[in-house]
Amino acid sequence: MTSLTIKLPESLRQKVESTARISGRSVSSVVRDAISSSLPPAPGGLSLFERTHDLCGKGKSGIPDLATNAKHMNGYGA
């Protein structure tokens, strides 16, 4: 891990130190978590499936071969 020096207003420094003391964590840990939670995910992070896996099966039609069976495609596209 590398070090980073930042300047904070006194009130924010007190909040960080208080949070660290109350939670039993280090100041560095509190600051790392705060920064991590406020930044957007890194590009190329999660795949579309990983971001939407909780939605899979939500629109279940009950027809297992809906996307692959030609009889379900009658009237589409032509």
PDB file of N, CA and C in Angstrom:
ATOM      1  N   MET A   1       0.847  -1.169   0.000  1.00  0.00           N
ATOM      2  CA  MET A   1       0.000   0.000   0.000  1.00  0.00           C
ATOM      3  C   MET A   1       0.897   1.238   0.000  1.00  0.00           C
ATOM      4  N   THR A   2       0.432   2.286  -0.647  1.00  0.00           N
ATOM      5  CA  THR A   2       1.193   3.531  -0.665  1.00  0.00           C
ATOM      6  C   THR A   2       0.522   4.570   0.218  1.00  0.00           C
ATOM      7  N   SER A   3       1.259   5.600   0.535  1.00  0.00           N
ATOM      8  CA  SER A   3       0.733   6.680   1.377  1.00  0.00           C
ATOM      9  C   SER A   3       0.279   7.848   0.521  1.00  0.00           C
ATOM     10  N   LEU A   4      -0.671   8.610   1.056  1.00  0.00           N
ATOM     11  CA  LEU A   4      -1.187   9.797   0.404  1.00  0.00           C
ATOM     12  C   LEU A   4      -1.422  10.846   1.478  1.00  0.00           C
ATOM     13  N   THR A   5      -0.953  12.040   1.232  1.00  0.00           N
ATOM     14  CA  THR A   5      -1.167  13.126   2.186  1.00  0.00           C
ATOM     15  C   THR A   5      -2.247  14.040   1.639  1.00  0.00           C
ATOM     16  N   ILE A   6      -3.255  14.348   2.474  1.00  0.00           N
ATOM     17  CA  ILE A   6      -4.339  15.242   2.058  1.00  0.00           C
ATOM     18  C   ILE A   6      -4.542  16.305   3.128  1.00  0.00           C
ATOM     19  N   LYS A   7      -5.181  17.387   2.728  1.00  0.00           N
ATOM     20  CA  LYS A   7      -5.533  18.445   3.673  1.00  0.00           C
ATOM     21  C   LYS A   7      -7.039  18.403   3.885  1.00  0.00           C
ATOM     22  N   LEU A   8      -7.439  18.433   5.144  1.00  0.00           N
ATOM     23  CA  LEU A   8      -8.853  18.386   5.505  1.00  0.00           C
ATOM     24  C   LEU A   8      -9.198  19.565   6.397  1.00  0.00           C
ATOM     25  N   PRO A   9     -10.433  20.049   6.291  1.00  0.00           N
ATOM     26  CA  PRO A   9     -10.887  21.038   7.271  1.00  0.00           C
ATOM     27  C   PRO A   9     -10.908  20.364   8.653  1.00  0.00           C
ATOM     28  N   GLU A  10     -10.692  21.141   9.671  1.00  0.00           N
ATOM     29  CA  GLU A  10     -10.636  20.606  11.033  1.00  0.00           C
ATOM     30  C   GLU A  10     -11.895  19.809  11.383  1.00  0.00           C
ATOM     31  N   SER A  11     -13.048  20.291  10.970  1.00  0.00           N
ATOM     32  CA  SER A  11     -14.300  19.595  11.308  1.00  0.00           C
ATOM     33  C   SER A  11     -14.358  18.204  10.663  1.00  0.00           C
ATOM     34  N   LEU A  12     -13.864  18.076   9.451  1.00  0.00           N
ATOM     35  CA  LEU A  12     -13.870  16.775   8.783  1.00  0.00           C
ATOM     36  C   LEU A  12     -12.852  15.831   9.426  1.00  0.00           C
ATOM     37  N   ARG A  13     -11.703  16.358   9.778  1.00  0.00           N
ATOM     38  CA  ARG A  13     -10.698  15.542  10.473  1.00  0.00           C
ATOM     39  C   ARG A  13     -11.272  14.990  11.770  1.00  0.00           C
ATOM     40  N   GLN A  14     -12.003  15.819  12.500  1.00  0.00           N
ATOM     41  CA  GLN A  14     -12.612  15.376  13.758  1.00  0.00           C
ATOM     42  C   GLN A  14     -13.655  14.288  13.512  1.00  0.00           C
ATOM     43  N   LYS A  15     -14.442  14.444  12.442  1.00  0.00           N
ATOM     44  CA  LYS A  15     -15.440  13.410  12.111  1.00  0.00           C
ATOM     45  C   LYS A  15     -14.769  12.085  11.788  1.00  0.00           C
ATOM     46  N   VAL A  16     -13.703  12.144  10.995  1.00  0.00           N
ATOM     47  CA  VAL A  16     -12.990  10.921  10.617  1.00  0.00           C
ATOM     48  C   VAL A  16     -12.409  10.247  11.857  1.00  0.00           C
ATOM     49  N   GLU A  17     -11.748  11.014  12.705  1.00  0.00           N
ATOM     50  CA  GLU A  17     -11.148  10.450  13.916  1.00  0.00           C
ATOM     51  C   GLU A  17     -12.204   9.897  14.868  1.00  0.00           C
ATOM     52  N   SER A  18     -13.320  10.593  14.982  1.00  0.00           N
ATOM     53  CA  SER A  18     -14.410  10.127  15.841  1.00  0.00           C
ATOM     54  C   SER A  18     -14.997   8.821  15.317  1.00  0.00           C
ATOM     55  N   THR A  19     -15.216   8.771  14.016  1.00  0.00           N
ATOM     56  CA  THR A  19     -15.747   7.548  13.401  1.00  0.00           C
ATOM     57  C   THR A  19     -14.794   6.387  13.609  1.00  0.00           C
ATOM     58  N   ALA A  20     -13.511   6.635  13.439  1.00  0.00           N
ATOM     59  CA  ALA A  20     -12.506   5.588  13.643  1.00  0.00           C
ATOM     60  C   ALA A  20     -12.510   5.094  15.091  1.00  0.00           C
ATOM     61  N   ARG A  21     -12.562   6.004  16.015  1.00  0.00           N
ATOM     62  CA  ARG A  21     -12.540   5.651  17.439  1.00  0.00           C
ATOM     63  C   ARG A  21     -13.790   4.840  17.812  1.00  0.00           C
ATOM     64  N   ILE A  22     -14.955   5.309  17.384  1.00  0.00           N
ATOM     65  CA  ILE A  22     -16.213   4.632  17.719  1.00  0.00           C
ATOM     66  C   ILE A  22     -16.287   3.234  17.099  1.00  0.00           C
ATOM     67  N   SER A  23     -15.805   3.124  15.860  1.00  0.00           N
ATOM     68  CA  SER A  23     -15.899   1.838  15.160  1.00  0.00           C
ATOM     69  C   SER A  23     -14.739   0.904  15.467  1.00  0.00           C
ATOM     70  N   GLY A  24     -13.721   1.417  16.177  1.00  0.00           N
ATOM     71  CA  GLY A  24     -12.572   0.577  16.513  1.00  0.00           C
ATOM     72  C   GLY A  24     -11.671   0.304  15.319  1.00  0.00           C
ATOM     73  N   ARG A  25     -11.711   1.182  14.347  1.00  0.00           N
ATOM     74  CA  ARG A  25     -10.892   1.026  13.145  1.00  0.00           C
ATOM     75  C   ARG A  25      -9.845   2.132  13.102  1.00  0.00           C
ATOM     76  N   SER A  26      -8.919   1.979  12.163  1.00  0.00           N
ATOM     77  CA  SER A  26      -7.906   3.019  11.997  1.00  0.00           C
ATOM     78  C   SER A  26      -8.484   4.168  11.174  1.00  0.00           C
ATOM     79  N   VAL A  27      -7.865   5.341  11.319  1.00  0.00           N
ATOM     80  CA  VAL A  27      -8.265   6.498  10.522  1.00  0.00           C
ATOM     81  C   VAL A  27      -8.099   6.167   9.040  1.00  0.00           C
ATOM     82  N   SER A  28      -6.993   5.499   8.700  1.00  0.00           N
ATOM     83  CA  SER A  28      -6.747   5.130   7.298  1.00  0.00           C
ATOM     84  C   SER A  28      -7.859   4.255   6.739  1.00  0.00           C
ATOM     85  N   SER A  29      -8.315   3.308   7.540  1.00  0.00           N
ATOM     86  CA  SER A  29      -9.386   2.412   7.100  1.00  0.00           C
ATOM     87  C   SER A  29     -10.684   3.176   6.848  1.00  0.00           C
ATOM     88  N   VAL A  30     -11.005   4.094   7.740  1.00  0.00           N
ATOM     89  CA  VAL A  30     -12.225   4.901   7.584  1.00  0.00           C
ATOM     90  C   VAL A  30     -12.134   5.744   6.313  1.00  0.00           C
ATOM     91  N   VAL A  31     -10.994   6.366   6.086  1.00  0.00           N
ATOM     92  CA  VAL A  31     -10.816   7.207   4.899  1.00  0.00           C
ATOM     93  C   VAL A  31     -10.857   6.355   3.633  1.00  0.00           C
ATOM     94  N   ARG A  32     -10.179   5.198   3.631  1.00  0.00           N
ATOM     95  CA  ARG A  32     -10.214   4.311   2.450  1.00  0.00           C
ATOM     96  C   ARG A  32     -11.640   3.916   2.100  1.00  0.00           C
ATOM     97  N   ASP A  33     -12.416   3.505   3.109  1.00  0.00           N
ATOM     98  CA  ASP A  33     -13.799   3.093   2.860  1.00  0.00           C
ATOM     99  C   ASP A  33     -14.644   4.253   2.335  1.00  0.00           C
ATOM    100  N   ALA A  34     -14.444   5.437   2.896  1.00  0.00           N
ATOM    101  CA  ALA A  34     -15.213   6.609   2.452  1.00  0.00           C
ATOM    102  C   ALA A  34     -14.890   6.953   1.006  1.00  0.00           C
ATOM    103  N   ILE A  35     -13.619   6.907   0.655  1.00  0.00           N
ATOM    104  CA  ILE A  35     -13.221   7.204  -0.723  1.00  0.00           C
ATOM    105  C   ILE A  35     -13.747   6.128  -1.668  1.00  0.00           C
ATOM    106  N   SER A  36     -13.580   4.866  -1.303  1.00  0.00           N
ATOM    107  CA  SER A  36     -14.045   3.764  -2.158  1.00  0.00           C
ATOM    108  C   SER A  36     -15.538   3.828  -2.435  1.00  0.00           C
ATOM    109  N   SER A  37     -16.316   4.161  -1.413  1.00  0.00           N
ATOM    110  CA  SER A  37     -17.766   4.178  -1.593  1.00  0.00           C
ATOM    111  C   SER A  37     -18.242   5.376  -2.406  1.00  0.00           C
ATOM    112  N   SER A  38     -17.403   6.408  -2.532  1.00  0.00           N
ATOM    113  CA  SER A  38     -17.837   7.589  -3.271  1.00  0.00           C
ATOM    114  C   SER A  38     -17.353   7.609  -4.716  1.00  0.00           C
ATOM    115  N   LEU A  39     -16.470   6.687  -5.089  1.00  0.00           N
ATOM    116  CA  LEU A  39     -15.953   6.654  -6.453  1.00  0.00           C
ATOM    117  C   LEU A  39     -16.758   5.687  -7.313  1.00  0.00           C
ATOM    118  N   PRO A  40     -16.878   5.967  -8.615  1.00  0.00           N
ATOM    119  CA  PRO A  40     -17.566   5.039  -9.505  1.00  0.00           C
ATOM    120  C   PRO A  40     -16.737   3.773  -9.678  1.00  0.00           C
ATOM    121  N   PRO A  41     -17.365   2.661 -10.057  1.00  0.00           N
ATOM    122  CA  PRO A  41     -16.607   1.426 -10.263  1.00  0.00           C
ATOM    123  C   PRO A  41     -15.587   1.603 -11.389  1.00  0.00           C
ATOM    124  N   ALA A  42     -14.521   0.851 -11.309  1.00  0.00           N
ATOM    125  CA  ALA A  42     -13.488   0.911 -12.342  1.00  0.00           C
ATOM    126  C   ALA A  42     -14.046   0.398 -13.668  1.00  0.00           C
ATOM    127  N   PRO A  43     -13.635   1.001 -14.779  1.00  0.00           N
ATOM    128  CA  PRO A  43     -14.086   0.515 -16.088  1.00  0.00           C
ATOM    129  C   PRO A  43     -13.691  -0.947 -16.253  1.00  0.00           C
ATOM    130  N   GLY A  44     -14.571  -1.695 -16.870  1.00  0.00           N
ATOM    131  CA  GLY A  44     -14.294  -3.108 -17.074  1.00  0.00           C
ATOM    132  C   GLY A  44     -14.457  -3.919 -15.812  1.00  0.00           C
ATOM    133  N   GLY A  45     -15.083  -3.340 -14.801  1.00  0.00           N
ATOM    134  CA  GLY A  45     -15.269  -4.034 -13.530  1.00  0.00           C
ATOM    135  C   GLY A  45     -16.205  -5.225 -13.661  1.00  0.00           C
ATOM    136  N   LEU A  46     -17.466  -5.010 -13.421  1.00  0.00           N
ATOM    137  CA  LEU A  46     -18.438  -6.096 -13.447  1.00  0.00           C
ATOM    138  C   LEU A  46     -19.027  -6.271 -14.842  1.00  0.00           C
ATOM    139  N   SER A  47     -19.271  -7.514 -15.209  1.00  0.00           N
ATOM    140  CA  SER A  47     -19.915  -7.791 -16.490  1.00  0.00           C
ATOM    141  C   SER A  47     -21.409  -7.460 -16.386  1.00  0.00           C
ATOM    142  N   LEU A  48     -22.066  -7.412 -17.517  1.00  0.00           N
ATOM    143  CA  LEU A  48     -23.508  -7.161 -17.525  1.00  0.00           C
ATOM    144  C   LEU A  48     -24.228  -8.222 -16.703  1.00  0.00           C
ATOM    145  N   PHE A  49     -23.823  -9.478 -16.849  1.00  0.00           N
ATOM    146  CA  PHE A  49     -24.450 -10.540 -16.071  1.00  0.00           C
ATOM    147  C   PHE A  49     -24.259 -10.314 -14.575  1.00  0.00           C
ATOM    148  N   GLU A  50     -23.040  -9.953 -14.168  1.00  0.00           N
ATOM    149  CA  GLU A  50     -22.776  -9.736 -12.748  1.00  0.00           C
ATOM    150  C   GLU A  50     -23.614  -8.586 -12.191  1.00  0.00           C
ATOM    151  N   ARG A  51     -23.872  -7.571 -13.027  1.00  0.00           N
ATOM    152  CA  ARG A  51     -24.671  -6.433 -12.564  1.00  0.00           C
ATOM    153  C   ARG A  51     -26.163  -6.733 -12.559  1.00  0.00           C
ATOM    154  N   THR A  52     -26.614  -7.715 -13.338  1.00  0.00           N
ATOM    155  CA  THR A  52     -28.052  -7.968 -13.467  1.00  0.00           C
ATOM    156  C   THR A  52     -28.466  -9.389 -13.100  1.00  0.00           C
ATOM    157  N   HIS A  53     -27.586 -10.178 -12.513  1.00  0.00           N
ATOM    158  CA  HIS A  53     -27.917 -11.572 -12.234  1.00  0.00           C
ATOM    159  C   HIS A  53     -29.148 -11.723 -11.347  1.00  0.00           C
ATOM    160  N   ASP A  54     -29.424 -10.752 -10.508  1.00  0.00           N
ATOM    161  CA  ASP A  54     -30.604 -10.838  -9.648  1.00  0.00           C
ATOM    162  C   ASP A  54     -31.901 -10.687 -10.443  1.00  0.00           C
ATOM    163  N   LEU A  55     -31.808 -10.218 -11.682  1.00  0.00           N
ATOM    164  CA  LEU A  55     -32.995 -10.058 -12.517  1.00  0.00           C
ATOM    165  C   LEU A  55     -33.273 -11.285 -13.368  1.00  0.00           C
ATOM    166  N   CYS A  56     -32.298 -12.166 -13.506  1.00  0.00           N
ATOM    167  CA  CYS A  56     -32.463 -13.348 -14.354  1.00  0.00           C
ATOM    168  C   CYS A  56     -33.652 -14.181 -13.877  1.00  0.00           C
ATOM    169  N   GLY A  57     -34.524 -14.495 -14.798  1.00  0.00           N
ATOM    170  CA  GLY A  57     -35.697 -15.298 -14.488  1.00  0.00           C
ATOM    171  C   GLY A  57     -36.891 -14.505 -13.987  1.00  0.00           C
ATOM    172  N   LYS A  58     -36.791 -13.194 -13.858  1.00  0.00           N
ATOM    173  CA  LYS A  58     -37.894 -12.381 -13.335  1.00  0.00           C
ATOM    174  C   LYS A  58     -39.073 -12.324 -14.305  1.00  0.00           C
ATOM    175  N   GLY A  59     -38.790 -12.433 -15.596  1.00  0.00           N
ATOM    176  CA  GLY A  59     -39.868 -12.373 -16.588  1.00  0.00           C
ATOM    177  C   GLY A  59     -40.189 -13.738 -17.169  1.00  0.00           C
ATOM    178  N   LYS A  60     -40.106 -14.752 -16.362  1.00  0.00           N
ATOM    179  CA  LYS A  60     -40.266 -16.128 -16.822  1.00  0.00           C
ATOM    180  C   LYS A  60     -41.636 -16.339 -17.443  1.00  0.00           C
ATOM    181  N   SER A  61     -41.620 -16.852 -18.690  1.00  0.00           N
ATOM    182  CA  SER A  61     -42.858 -17.078 -19.418  1.00  0.00           C
ATOM    183  C   SER A  61     -43.417 -18.480 -19.179  1.00  0.00           C
ATOM    184  N   GLY A  62     -42.577 -19.371 -18.689  1.00  0.00           N
ATOM    185  CA  GLY A  62     -43.006 -20.750 -18.531  1.00  0.00           C
ATOM    186  C   GLY A  62     -42.737 -21.579 -19.777  1.00  0.00           C
ATOM    187  N   ILE A  63     -42.263 -20.931 -20.841  1.00  0.00           N
ATOM    188  CA  ILE A  63     -41.943 -21.637 -22.087  1.00  0.00           C
ATOM    189  C   ILE A  63     -40.423 -21.763 -22.151  1.00  0.00           C
ATOM    190  N   PRO A  64     -39.861 -22.962 -21.906  1.00  0.00           N
ATOM    191  CA  PRO A  64     -38.421 -23.105 -21.796  1.00  0.00           C
ATOM    192  C   PRO A  64     -37.650 -22.877 -23.094  1.00  0.00           C
ATOM    193  N   ASP A  65     -38.288 -23.090 -24.246  1.00  0.00           N
ATOM    194  CA  ASP A  65     -37.572 -22.941 -25.509  1.00  0.00           C
ATOM    195  C   ASP A  65     -38.031 -21.721 -26.307  1.00  0.00           C
ATOM    196  N   LEU A  66     -38.520 -20.710 -25.636  1.00  0.00           N
ATOM    197  CA  LEU A  66     -39.079 -19.527 -26.279  1.00  0.00           C
ATOM    198  C   LEU A  66     -38.097 -18.867 -27.249  1.00  0.00           C
ATOM    199  N   ALA A  67     -36.844 -18.800 -26.922  1.00  0.00           N
ATOM    200  CA  ALA A  67     -35.864 -18.113 -27.767  1.00  0.00           C
ATOM    201  C   ALA A  67     -35.245 -19.009 -28.823  1.00  0.00           C
ATOM    202  N   THR A  68     -35.457 -20.320 -28.754  1.00  0.00           N
ATOM    203  CA  THR A  68     -34.773 -21.224 -29.681  1.00  0.00           C
ATOM    204  C   THR A  68     -35.703 -22.016 -30.586  1.00  0.00           C
ATOM    205  N   ASN A  69     -36.954 -22.138 -30.259  1.00  0.00           N
ATOM    206  CA  ASN A  69     -37.873 -22.946 -31.053  1.00  0.00           C
ATOM    207  C   ASN A  69     -38.529 -22.085 -32.137  1.00  0.00           C
ATOM    208  N   ALA A  70     -38.379 -22.509 -33.383  1.00  0.00           N
ATOM    209  CA  ALA A  70     -38.876 -21.741 -34.529  1.00  0.00           C
ATOM    210  C   ALA A  70     -40.394 -21.529 -34.480  1.00  0.00           C
ATOM    211  N   LYS A  71     -41.145 -22.427 -33.896  1.00  0.00           N
ATOM    212  CA  LYS A  71     -42.604 -22.257 -33.874  1.00  0.00           C
ATOM    213  C   LYS A  71     -43.029 -21.012 -33.091  1.00  0.00           C
ATOM    214  N   HIS A  72     -42.191 -20.563 -32.172  1.00  0.00           N
ATOM    215  CA  HIS A  72     -42.505 -19.362 -31.412  1.00  0.00           C
ATOM    216  C   HIS A  72     -42.159 -18.091 -32.198  1.00  0.00           C
ATOM    217  N   MET A  73     -41.492 -18.246 -33.344  1.00  0.00           N
ATOM    218  CA  MET A  73     -41.061 -17.097 -34.133  1.00  0.00           C
ATOM    219  C   MET A  73     -42.022 -16.781 -35.285  1.00  0.00           C
ATOM    220  N   ASN A  74     -43.082 -17.551 -35.431  1.00  0.00           N
ATOM    221  CA  ASN A  74     -44.035 -17.315 -36.518  1.00  0.00           C
ATOM    222  C   ASN A  74     -44.592 -15.889 -36.424  1.00  0.00           C
ATOM    223  N   GLY A  75     -44.499 -15.152 -37.536  1.00  0.00           N
ATOM    224  CA  GLY A  75     -45.025 -13.801 -37.591  1.00  0.00           C
ATOM    225  C   GLY A  75     -44.020 -12.731 -37.202  1.00  0.00           C
ATOM    226  N   TYR A  76     -42.823 -13.122 -36.814  1.00  0.00           N
ATOM    227  CA  TYR A  76     -41.801 -12.144 -36.453  1.00  0.00           C
ATOM    228  C   TYR A  76     -40.804 -11.972 -37.598  1.00  0.00           C
ATOM    229  N   GLY A  77     -40.479 -10.768 -37.927  1.00  0.00           N
ATOM    230  CA  GLY A  77     -39.390 -10.469 -38.846  1.00  0.00           C
ATOM    231  C   GLY A  77     -39.718 -10.462 -40.308  1.00  0.00           C
ATOM    232  N   ALA A  78     -40.624 -11.254 -40.769  1.00  0.00           N
ATOM    233  CA  ALA A  78     -40.839 -11.354 -42.222  1.00  0.00           C
ATOM    234  C   ALA A  78     -41.975 -10.542 -42.709  1.00  0.00           C
TER     235      ALA A  78
END
